[in-house]
Amino acid sequence: MAIKRTDFTGRFHRIVEVGNMIYLAGVTARNAHEDAGAQTSDILTQIDELLAKAGASKRDIVTANIWLADIGDFTTMNASWDAWVEKEHAPVRATVESRLARPELKVEIQVQATRASDD
């Protein structure tokens, strides 16, 4: 099965496709000086854009992993997530507290999706 890699950053690809599966690299906010809610909203916008490049949408997300620099931001992050996700298409999800790559980052999200949508 062929592996398609796109959106190379110089270190890794942001999108890897294998068959009907789409794997996104962890996504962080473009403006890391915003609060966790704004960072989450920006990340989700980027995820929409990346999935569209791969011919998918948020409805096709199977699983999401979320890392928070401070678990105290859980409610703020969830407010942005809940406004974005379609409840009937919500993926499985895990959220943990973790030190992120840069101290100003508050949220990182990675998703896996499939083109086998049941729209």
N, C-alpha and C. Protein backbone atom coordinates (compact mmCIF):
# COMPACT_ATOMS: atom_id res chain seq x y z
N MET A 1 0.84 -1.16 0.00
CA MET A 1 0.00 0.00 0.00
C MET A 1 0.90 1.24 0.00
N ALA A 2 0.62 2.17 -0.88
CA ALA A 2 1.45 3.38 -1.01
C ALA A 2 1.21 4.33 0.16
N ILE A 3 2.28 5.01 0.54
CA ILE A 3 2.22 6.04 1.56
C ILE A 3 2.40 7.38 0.88
N LYS A 4 1.46 8.29 1.10
CA LYS A 4 1.54 9.63 0.52
C LYS A 4 1.83 10.62 1.65
N ARG A 5 2.89 11.39 1.48
CA ARG A 5 3.29 12.37 2.49
C ARG A 5 3.21 13.77 1.88
N THR A 6 2.56 14.70 2.57
CA THR A 6 2.45 16.07 2.07
C THR A 6 2.66 17.07 3.20
N ASP A 7 2.83 18.33 2.81
CA ASP A 7 3.04 19.44 3.73
C ASP A 7 4.30 19.25 4.58
N PHE A 8 5.43 19.11 3.91
CA PHE A 8 6.71 18.92 4.60
C PHE A 8 7.13 20.22 5.27
N THR A 9 7.51 20.16 6.52
CA THR A 9 7.90 21.35 7.28
C THR A 9 9.40 21.59 7.29
N GLY A 10 10.17 20.66 6.75
CA GLY A 10 11.61 20.71 6.89
C GLY A 10 12.09 19.67 7.90
N ARG A 11 11.18 19.20 8.72
CA ARG A 11 11.50 18.18 9.72
C ARG A 11 10.56 16.99 9.63
N PHE A 12 9.30 17.24 9.33
CA PHE A 12 8.30 16.17 9.24
C PHE A 12 7.19 16.61 8.29
N HIS A 13 6.39 15.64 7.87
CA HIS A 13 5.21 15.94 7.05
C HIS A 13 4.03 16.18 7.98
N ARG A 14 3.20 17.13 7.64
CA ARG A 14 2.02 17.42 8.46
C ARG A 14 0.88 16.46 8.14
N ILE A 15 0.90 15.86 6.94
CA ILE A 15 -0.14 14.91 6.53
C ILE A 15 0.52 13.65 5.97
N VAL A 16 0.11 12.50 6.46
CA VAL A 16 0.52 11.22 5.89
C VAL A 16 -0.74 10.41 5.65
N GLU A 17 -0.85 9.89 4.42
CA GLU A 17 -2.02 9.10 4.04
C GLU A 17 -1.58 7.68 3.69
N VAL A 18 -2.30 6.71 4.23
CA VAL A 18 -2.07 5.30 3.93
C VAL A 18 -3.44 4.68 3.68
N GLY A 19 -3.68 4.28 2.44
CA GLY A 19 -5.02 3.78 2.11
C GLY A 19 -6.05 4.86 2.38
N ASN A 20 -7.09 4.52 3.12
CA ASN A 20 -8.13 5.50 3.46
C ASN A 20 -7.84 6.26 4.75
N MET A 21 -6.73 5.94 5.41
CA MET A 21 -6.39 6.59 6.68
C MET A 21 -5.56 7.85 6.44
N ILE A 22 -5.86 8.87 7.22
CA ILE A 22 -5.17 10.15 7.17
C ILE A 22 -4.63 10.42 8.57
N TYR A 23 -3.33 10.65 8.66
CA TYR A 23 -2.67 10.92 9.93
C TYR A 23 -2.14 12.35 9.89
N LEU A 24 -2.54 13.17 10.84
CA LEU A 24 -2.00 14.51 10.93
C LEU A 24 -0.96 14.56 12.04
N ALA A 25 0.08 15.34 11.80
CA ALA A 25 1.06 15.61 12.85
C ALA A 25 0.39 16.43 13.94
N GLY A 26 0.99 16.50 15.09
CA GLY A 26 0.47 17.36 16.14
C GLY A 26 0.42 18.79 15.65
N VAL A 27 -0.67 19.47 15.94
CA VAL A 27 -0.88 20.85 15.48
C VAL A 27 -0.88 21.77 16.70
N THR A 28 -0.12 22.86 16.60
CA THR A 28 -0.09 23.87 17.64
C THR A 28 -0.55 25.21 17.05
N ALA A 29 -0.85 26.14 17.91
CA ALA A 29 -1.37 27.44 17.49
C ALA A 29 -0.31 28.25 16.75
N ARG A 30 -0.78 29.00 15.76
CA ARG A 30 0.11 29.91 15.03
C ARG A 30 0.51 31.08 15.91
N ASN A 31 -0.41 31.54 16.78
CA ASN A 31 -0.10 32.61 17.73
C ASN A 31 -0.13 31.99 19.12
N ALA A 32 1.04 31.62 19.59
CA ALA A 32 1.14 30.90 20.86
C ALA A 32 0.98 31.81 22.08
N HIS A 33 0.76 33.09 21.85
CA HIS A 33 0.61 34.01 22.99
C HIS A 33 -0.85 34.24 23.36
N GLU A 34 -1.77 33.51 22.72
CA GLU A 34 -3.19 33.57 23.05
C GLU A 34 -3.47 32.61 24.22
N ASP A 35 -4.69 32.71 24.77
CA ASP A 35 -5.06 31.78 25.84
C ASP A 35 -5.40 30.40 25.24
N ALA A 36 -5.65 29.45 26.10
CA ALA A 36 -5.87 28.06 25.64
C ALA A 36 -7.09 27.95 24.73
N GLY A 37 -8.13 28.71 24.98
CA GLY A 37 -9.32 28.66 24.13
C GLY A 37 -9.03 29.16 22.73
N ALA A 38 -8.33 30.28 22.62
CA ALA A 38 -7.98 30.83 21.31
C ALA A 38 -6.99 29.93 20.59
N GLN A 39 -6.03 29.38 21.33
CA GLN A 39 -5.10 28.44 20.71
C GLN A 39 -5.85 27.22 20.17
N THR A 40 -6.78 26.70 20.94
CA THR A 40 -7.55 25.54 20.49
C THR A 40 -8.34 25.87 19.23
N SER A 41 -9.00 27.02 19.21
CA SER A 41 -9.77 27.41 18.02
C SER A 41 -8.88 27.50 16.79
N ASP A 42 -7.70 28.08 16.94
CA ASP A 42 -6.77 28.18 15.81
C ASP A 42 -6.32 26.80 15.35
N ILE A 43 -6.01 25.93 16.29
CA ILE A 43 -5.59 24.57 15.96
C ILE A 43 -6.69 23.84 15.19
N LEU A 44 -7.93 23.98 15.63
CA LEU A 44 -9.04 23.31 14.97
C LEU A 44 -9.26 23.85 13.56
N THR A 45 -9.05 25.13 13.36
CA THR A 45 -9.10 25.71 12.01
C THR A 45 -8.02 25.10 11.13
N GLN A 46 -6.82 24.95 11.68
CA GLN A 46 -5.73 24.33 10.92
C GLN A 46 -6.05 22.87 10.59
N ILE A 47 -6.65 22.15 11.54
CA ILE A 47 -7.02 20.77 11.29
C ILE A 47 -8.04 20.70 10.16
N ASP A 48 -9.03 21.60 10.16
CA ASP A 48 -9.99 21.65 9.05
C ASP A 48 -9.25 21.83 7.72
N GLU A 49 -8.29 22.74 7.67
CA GLU A 49 -7.54 23.02 6.45
C GLU A 49 -6.71 21.81 6.00
N LEU A 50 -6.02 21.17 6.94
CA LEU A 50 -5.19 20.02 6.60
C LEU A 50 -6.05 18.85 6.11
N LEU A 51 -7.15 18.59 6.80
CA LEU A 51 -8.02 17.50 6.36
C LEU A 51 -8.59 17.77 4.98
N ALA A 52 -8.95 19.01 4.70
CA ALA A 52 -9.47 19.36 3.37
C ALA A 52 -8.43 19.06 2.29
N LYS A 53 -7.15 19.33 2.58
CA LYS A 53 -6.10 19.01 1.62
C LYS A 53 -6.05 17.52 1.30
N ALA A 54 -6.45 16.71 2.28
CA ALA A 54 -6.43 15.25 2.12
C ALA A 54 -7.79 14.70 1.67
N GLY A 55 -8.73 15.59 1.37
CA GLY A 55 -10.04 15.14 0.90
C GLY A 55 -10.95 14.64 1.99
N ALA A 56 -10.81 15.18 3.20
CA ALA A 56 -11.62 14.75 4.33
C ALA A 56 -12.11 15.97 5.10
N SER A 57 -12.84 15.71 6.17
CA SER A 57 -13.33 16.80 7.03
C SER A 57 -13.35 16.32 8.48
N LYS A 58 -13.73 17.21 9.38
CA LYS A 58 -13.77 16.84 10.80
C LYS A 58 -14.74 15.69 11.07
N ARG A 59 -15.72 15.50 10.20
CA ARG A 59 -16.65 14.37 10.36
C ARG A 59 -15.94 13.03 10.18
N ASP A 60 -14.78 13.04 9.55
CA ASP A 60 -14.04 11.82 9.26
C ASP A 60 -13.01 11.48 10.33
N ILE A 61 -12.88 12.32 11.35
CA ILE A 61 -11.90 12.07 12.41
C ILE A 61 -12.33 10.86 13.23
N VAL A 62 -11.41 9.94 13.41
CA VAL A 62 -11.66 8.72 14.17
C VAL A 62 -11.18 8.90 15.61
N THR A 63 -10.02 9.51 15.78
CA THR A 63 -9.44 9.67 17.11
C THR A 63 -8.71 11.00 17.20
N ALA A 64 -8.73 11.58 18.39
CA ALA A 64 -8.01 12.83 18.65
C ALA A 64 -7.23 12.68 19.95
N ASN A 65 -5.99 13.15 19.93
CA ASN A 65 -5.16 13.20 21.13
C ASN A 65 -4.88 14.66 21.41
N ILE A 66 -5.12 15.08 22.65
CA ILE A 66 -4.93 16.47 23.03
C ILE A 66 -3.97 16.53 24.21
N TRP A 67 -2.98 17.39 24.06
CA TRP A 67 -2.01 17.63 25.12
C TRP A 67 -2.20 19.06 25.61
N LEU A 68 -2.32 19.23 26.92
CA LEU A 68 -2.43 20.54 27.54
C LEU A 68 -1.20 20.77 28.41
N ALA A 69 -0.60 21.94 28.30
CA ALA A 69 0.54 22.27 29.16
C ALA A 69 0.09 22.35 30.61
N ASP A 70 -1.16 22.75 30.82
CA ASP A 70 -1.73 22.87 32.16
C ASP A 70 -3.14 22.29 32.12
N ILE A 71 -3.37 21.21 32.83
CA ILE A 71 -4.69 20.56 32.83
C ILE A 71 -5.77 21.51 33.36
N GLY A 72 -5.35 22.58 34.01
CA GLY A 72 -6.30 23.61 34.45
C GLY A 72 -6.99 24.31 33.29
N ASP A 73 -6.43 24.18 32.07
CA ASP A 73 -7.04 24.75 30.86
C ASP A 73 -8.06 23.81 30.21
N PHE A 74 -8.36 22.69 30.86
CA PHE A 74 -9.26 21.68 30.29
C PHE A 74 -10.62 22.27 29.91
N THR A 75 -11.22 23.04 30.81
CA THR A 75 -12.55 23.61 30.55
C THR A 75 -12.50 24.62 29.41
N THR A 76 -11.48 25.46 29.39
CA THR A 76 -11.33 26.47 28.33
C THR A 76 -11.11 25.80 26.98
N MET A 77 -10.25 24.80 26.93
CA MET A 77 -10.02 24.06 25.69
C MET A 77 -11.31 23.40 25.24
N ASN A 78 -12.03 22.76 26.16
CA ASN A 78 -13.27 22.06 25.82
C ASN A 78 -14.33 23.00 25.27
N ALA A 79 -14.37 24.25 25.72
CA ALA A 79 -15.36 25.20 25.20
C ALA A 79 -15.13 25.40 23.70
N SER A 80 -13.87 25.53 23.28
CA SER A 80 -13.57 25.69 21.85
C SER A 80 -13.84 24.39 21.10
N TRP A 81 -13.44 23.27 21.69
CA TRP A 81 -13.67 21.96 21.07
C TRP A 81 -15.17 21.72 20.87
N ASP A 82 -15.96 21.96 21.93
CA ASP A 82 -17.40 21.70 21.87
C ASP A 82 -18.10 22.57 20.83
N ALA A 83 -17.62 23.79 20.63
CA ALA A 83 -18.20 24.68 19.62
C ALA A 83 -17.87 24.20 18.20
N TRP A 84 -16.80 23.43 18.06
CA TRP A 84 -16.31 22.99 16.75
C TRP A 84 -16.82 21.60 16.36
N VAL A 85 -16.79 20.67 17.27
CA VAL A 85 -17.10 19.28 16.94
C VAL A 85 -18.61 19.10 16.75
N GLU A 86 -18.97 18.28 15.78
CA GLU A 86 -20.37 17.91 15.60
C GLU A 86 -20.62 16.70 16.50
N LYS A 87 -21.51 16.85 17.43
CA LYS A 87 -21.71 15.81 18.46
C LYS A 87 -21.94 14.42 17.87
N GLU A 88 -22.71 14.33 16.78
CA GLU A 88 -22.99 13.02 16.19
C GLU A 88 -21.79 12.44 15.46
N HIS A 89 -20.74 13.24 15.27
CA HIS A 89 -19.53 12.77 14.59
C HIS A 89 -18.30 12.92 15.49
N ALA A 90 -18.51 13.03 16.78
CA ALA A 90 -17.38 13.21 17.71
C ALA A 90 -16.49 11.96 17.70
N PRO A 91 -15.18 12.16 17.62
CA PRO A 91 -14.27 11.01 17.64
C PRO A 91 -14.01 10.53 19.07
N VAL A 92 -13.35 9.40 19.18
CA VAL A 92 -12.81 9.03 20.49
C VAL A 92 -11.70 10.04 20.78
N ARG A 93 -11.40 10.25 22.06
CA ARG A 93 -10.46 11.32 22.38
C ARG A 93 -9.77 11.03 23.69
N ALA A 94 -8.52 11.47 23.79
CA ALA A 94 -7.78 11.43 25.04
C ALA A 94 -7.16 12.81 25.25
N THR A 95 -7.17 13.27 26.49
CA THR A 95 -6.57 14.55 26.84
C THR A 95 -5.68 14.35 28.06
N VAL A 96 -4.45 14.82 27.96
CA VAL A 96 -3.51 14.68 29.08
C VAL A 96 -2.73 15.98 29.27
N GLU A 97 -2.18 16.13 30.45
CA GLU A 97 -1.27 17.25 30.72
C GLU A 97 0.14 16.81 30.35
N SER A 98 0.85 17.69 29.67
CA SER A 98 2.20 17.36 29.22
C SER A 98 2.99 18.64 28.97
N ARG A 99 4.28 18.57 29.19
CA ARG A 99 5.12 19.70 28.81
C ARG A 99 5.20 19.71 27.29
N LEU A 100 4.94 20.87 26.68
CA LEU A 100 4.95 21.00 25.22
C LEU A 100 6.29 21.54 24.75
N ALA A 101 6.47 21.58 23.43
CA ALA A 101 7.78 21.89 22.84
C ALA A 101 8.29 23.30 23.16
N ARG A 102 7.36 24.24 23.33
CA ARG A 102 7.76 25.61 23.69
C ARG A 102 6.89 26.06 24.87
N PRO A 103 7.44 26.81 25.80
CA PRO A 103 6.70 27.17 27.01
C PRO A 103 5.42 27.98 26.76
N GLU A 104 5.35 28.74 25.68
CA GLU A 104 4.15 29.55 25.41
C GLU A 104 3.01 28.73 24.82
N LEU A 105 3.29 27.53 24.35
CA LEU A 105 2.23 26.66 23.82
C LEU A 105 1.39 26.12 24.96
N LYS A 106 0.08 26.19 24.79
CA LYS A 106 -0.82 25.68 25.81
C LYS A 106 -1.54 24.41 25.38
N VAL A 107 -1.65 24.19 24.05
CA VAL A 107 -2.43 23.07 23.52
C VAL A 107 -1.73 22.51 22.29
N GLU A 108 -1.78 21.20 22.14
CA GLU A 108 -1.39 20.52 20.90
C GLU A 108 -2.42 19.44 20.65
N ILE A 109 -2.85 19.33 19.38
CA ILE A 109 -3.85 18.32 19.03
C ILE A 109 -3.37 17.54 17.81
N GLN A 110 -3.52 16.23 17.87
CA GLN A 110 -3.21 15.35 16.75
C GLN A 110 -4.43 14.49 16.48
N VAL A 111 -4.77 14.35 15.19
CA VAL A 111 -5.93 13.53 14.84
C VAL A 111 -5.58 12.51 13.77
N GLN A 112 -6.39 11.48 13.72
CA GLN A 112 -6.36 10.49 12.66
C GLN A 112 -7.77 10.42 12.10
N ALA A 113 -7.87 10.36 10.77
CA ALA A 113 -9.18 10.36 10.11
C ALA A 113 -9.19 9.31 9.01
N THR A 114 -10.38 9.07 8.50
CA THR A 114 -10.55 8.15 7.38
C THR A 114 -11.46 8.77 6.34
N ARG A 115 -11.29 8.37 5.10
CA ARG A 115 -12.18 8.86 4.06
C ARG A 115 -13.48 8.06 3.99
N ALA A 116 -13.65 7.09 4.85
CA ALA A 116 -14.84 6.23 4.85
C ALA A 116 -15.97 6.87 5.65
N SER A 117 -16.32 8.09 5.32
CA SER A 117 -17.35 8.84 6.05
C SER A 117 -18.73 8.26 5.77
N ASP A 118 -19.59 8.37 6.78
CA ASP A 118 -20.97 7.89 6.62
C ASP A 118 -21.95 9.05 6.56
N ASP A 119 -21.51 10.14 5.89
CA ASP A 119 -22.35 11.34 5.77
C ASP A 119 -23.69 10.93 5.35
